[in-house]
Amino acid sequence: MRHVAVGPNMLDDLNSAVADHPVYFHLDCDVLEPGLVPPDYRVPNGLSLDELGDVARRLAANRVVGIEVAEFEGVWADTGDPGDPGPLLAALAPMVDD
């Protein structure tokens, strides 16, 4: 199993890590920029949904054997408003679309 850290070389590191191997993708939503989705924890300087989409498009070039999404809460802790998974799912769509 390989871990690829968020940062300026993330896509290059991802290319090196996955090469042409099958991939299993795990996402903790707290790596996303706060305010995009309702996670359990908020960590500044996270990925944008566009950057997540770039990752998904790169991984879609490989055989994706599984996807796991964690730390997505159903409501925003500060307001109680429902969370909308739509933008997150749209960013991940390249890995599941045929």
C-alpha atoms as a PDB file:
ATOM      1  CA  MET A   1       0.000   0.000   0.000  1.00  0.00           C
ATOM      2  CA  ARG A   2       1.283   3.467  -0.868  1.00  0.00           C
ATOM      3  CA  HIS A   3       0.444   6.788   0.746  1.00  0.00           C
ATOM      4  CA  VAL A   4       0.641   9.940  -1.367  1.00  0.00           C
ATOM      5  CA  ALA A   5       0.777  13.184   0.570  1.00  0.00           C
ATOM      6  CA  VAL A   6      -1.076  16.326  -0.433  1.00  0.00           C
ATOM      7  CA  GLY A   7       1.303  18.949  -1.777  1.00  0.00           C
ATOM      8  CA  PRO A   8       2.729  20.618  -4.858  1.00  0.00           C
ATOM      9  CA  ASN A   9       4.176  17.355  -6.257  1.00  0.00           C
ATOM     10  CA  MET A  10       1.131  15.267  -5.495  1.00  0.00           C
ATOM     11  CA  LEU A  11       0.278  14.216  -9.063  1.00  0.00           C
ATOM     12  CA  ASP A  12       3.915  13.370  -9.860  1.00  0.00           C
ATOM     13  CA  ASP A  13       4.142  11.382  -6.630  1.00  0.00           C
ATOM     14  CA  LEU A  14       0.866   9.674  -7.509  1.00  0.00           C
ATOM     15  CA  ASN A  15       2.214   8.668 -10.925  1.00  0.00           C
ATOM     16  CA  SER A  16       5.266   7.128  -9.273  1.00  0.00           C
ATOM     17  CA  ALA A  17       3.218   5.366  -6.622  1.00  0.00           C
ATOM     18  CA  VAL A  18       0.603   3.751  -8.816  1.00  0.00           C
ATOM     19  CA  ALA A  19       2.384   3.329 -12.151  1.00  0.00           C
ATOM     20  CA  ASP A  20       0.099   0.868 -13.958  1.00  0.00           C
ATOM     21  CA  HIS A  21      -0.973  -1.086 -10.862  1.00  0.00           C
ATOM     22  CA  PRO A  22      -4.581  -1.568  -9.756  1.00  0.00           C
ATOM     23  CA  VAL A  23      -5.589   1.020  -7.167  1.00  0.00           C
ATOM     24  CA  TYR A  24      -7.720   1.112  -4.064  1.00  0.00           C
ATOM     25  CA  PHE A  25      -8.565   4.708  -3.163  1.00  0.00           C
ATOM     26  CA  HIS A  26      -9.220   5.824   0.417  1.00  0.00           C
ATOM     27  CA  LEU A  27     -10.229   9.430   1.120  1.00  0.00           C
ATOM     28  CA  ASP A  28     -10.660  11.007   4.522  1.00  0.00           C
ATOM     29  CA  CYS A  29     -12.716  14.114   3.767  1.00  0.00           C
ATOM     30  CA  ASP A  30     -10.758  16.114   6.318  1.00  0.00           C
ATOM     31  CA  VAL A  31      -7.949  16.390   3.734  1.00  0.00           C
ATOM     32  CA  LEU A  32     -10.254  18.653   1.727  1.00  0.00           C
ATOM     33  CA  GLU A  33     -10.216  22.408   2.217  1.00  0.00           C
ATOM     34  CA  PRO A  34     -12.565  23.298   5.093  1.00  0.00           C
ATOM     35  CA  GLY A  35     -16.010  24.359   3.979  1.00  0.00           C
ATOM     36  CA  LEU A  36     -16.290  22.074   0.941  1.00  0.00           C
ATOM     37  CA  VAL A  37     -17.911  19.110   2.683  1.00  0.00           C
ATOM     38  CA  PRO A  38     -18.930  18.526   6.318  1.00  0.00           C
ATOM     39  CA  PRO A  39     -16.119  16.453   7.860  1.00  0.00           C
ATOM     40  CA  ASP A  40     -15.633  15.447  11.468  1.00  0.00           C
ATOM     41  CA  TYR A  41     -12.400  17.493  11.603  1.00  0.00           C
ATOM     42  CA  ARG A  42     -11.311  20.632   9.755  1.00  0.00           C
ATOM     43  CA  VAL A  43      -7.714  20.946   8.615  1.00  0.00           C
ATOM     44  CA  PRO A  44      -6.596  24.076   6.727  1.00  0.00           C
ATOM     45  CA  ASN A  45      -4.738  24.052   3.400  1.00  0.00           C
ATOM     46  CA  GLY A  46      -6.480  20.986   2.057  1.00  0.00           C
ATOM     47  CA  LEU A  47      -7.305  19.822  -1.438  1.00  0.00           C
ATOM     48  CA  SER A  48      -9.836  21.652  -3.543  1.00  0.00           C
ATOM     49  CA  LEU A  49     -12.509  19.618  -5.288  1.00  0.00           C
ATOM     50  CA  ASP A  50     -10.758  20.432  -8.590  1.00  0.00           C
ATOM     51  CA  GLU A  51      -7.520  18.925  -7.244  1.00  0.00           C
ATOM     52  CA  LEU A  52      -9.432  15.879  -6.040  1.00  0.00           C
ATOM     53  CA  GLY A  53     -10.897  15.599  -9.536  1.00  0.00           C
ATOM     54  CA  ASP A  54      -7.356  15.675 -10.978  1.00  0.00           C
ATOM     55  CA  VAL A  55      -6.429  12.786  -8.692  1.00  0.00           C
ATOM     56  CA  ALA A  56      -9.548  10.859  -9.709  1.00  0.00           C
ATOM     57  CA  ARG A  57      -8.834  11.367 -13.409  1.00  0.00           C
ATOM     58  CA  ARG A  58      -5.271  10.103 -12.960  1.00  0.00           C
ATOM     59  CA  LEU A  59      -6.381   7.061 -10.998  1.00  0.00           C
ATOM     60  CA  ALA A  60      -9.118   6.314 -13.530  1.00  0.00           C
ATOM     61  CA  ALA A  61      -6.365   5.447 -16.008  1.00  0.00           C
ATOM     62  CA  ASN A  62      -5.692   2.385 -13.829  1.00  0.00           C
ATOM     63  CA  ARG A  63      -8.002  -0.408 -12.780  1.00  0.00           C
ATOM     64  CA  VAL A  64      -9.810   0.910  -9.703  1.00  0.00           C
ATOM     65  CA  VAL A  65     -10.593  -2.027  -7.427  1.00  0.00           C
ATOM     66  CA  GLY A  66     -12.208  -0.069  -4.611  1.00  0.00           C
ATOM     67  CA  ILE A  67     -13.079   3.355  -3.279  1.00  0.00           C
ATOM     68  CA  GLU A  68     -13.611   4.257   0.355  1.00  0.00           C
ATOM     69  CA  VAL A  69     -14.760   7.663   1.583  1.00  0.00           C
ATOM     70  CA  ALA A  70     -14.531   8.450   5.292  1.00  0.00           C
ATOM     71  CA  GLU A  71     -15.071  11.491   7.497  1.00  0.00           C
ATOM     72  CA  PHE A  72     -18.089  12.803   5.559  1.00  0.00           C
ATOM     73  CA  GLU A  73     -20.746  13.893   8.025  1.00  0.00           C
ATOM     74  CA  GLY A  74     -24.426  14.117   7.122  1.00  0.00           C
ATOM     75  CA  VAL A  75     -24.777  17.602   8.608  1.00  0.00           C
ATOM     76  CA  TRP A  76     -22.572  20.627   9.214  1.00  0.00           C
ATOM     77  CA  ALA A  77     -21.585  20.677  12.882  1.00  0.00           C
ATOM     78  CA  ASP A  78     -21.808  24.455  13.229  1.00  0.00           C
ATOM     79  CA  THR A  79     -25.243  24.930  11.596  1.00  0.00           C
ATOM     80  CA  GLY A  80     -26.949  21.547  11.526  1.00  0.00           C
ATOM     81  CA  ASP A  81     -27.625  22.067   7.812  1.00  0.00           C
ATOM     82  CA  PRO A  82     -27.517  18.901   5.700  1.00  0.00           C
ATOM     83  CA  GLY A  83     -24.300  18.161   3.858  1.00  0.00           C
ATOM     84  CA  ASP A  84     -24.432  17.865   0.079  1.00  0.00           C
ATOM     85  CA  PRO A  85     -22.336  14.957  -1.207  1.00  0.00           C
ATOM     86  CA  GLY A  86     -22.977  15.958  -4.844  1.00  0.00           C
ATOM     87  CA  PRO A  87     -19.805  18.009  -5.446  1.00  0.00           C
ATOM     88  CA  LEU A  88     -17.666  15.351  -3.768  1.00  0.00           C
ATOM     89  CA  LEU A  89     -19.235  12.595  -5.846  1.00  0.00           C
ATOM     90  CA  ALA A  90     -18.759  14.665  -9.005  1.00  0.00           C
ATOM     91  CA  ALA A  91     -15.035  15.009  -8.236  1.00  0.00           C
ATOM     92  CA  LEU A  92     -14.713  11.249  -7.690  1.00  0.00           C
ATOM     93  CA  ALA A  93     -16.852  10.311 -10.712  1.00  0.00           C
ATOM     94  CA  PRO A  94     -13.959   9.652 -13.124  1.00  0.00           C
ATOM     95  CA  MET A  95     -13.012   6.612 -11.047  1.00  0.00           C
ATOM     96  CA  VAL A  96     -16.464   5.047 -11.344  1.00  0.00           C
ATOM     97  CA  ASP A  97     -17.722   6.253 -14.721  1.00  0.00           C
ATOM     98  CA  ASP A  98     -17.262   3.894 -17.644  1.00  0.00           C
END
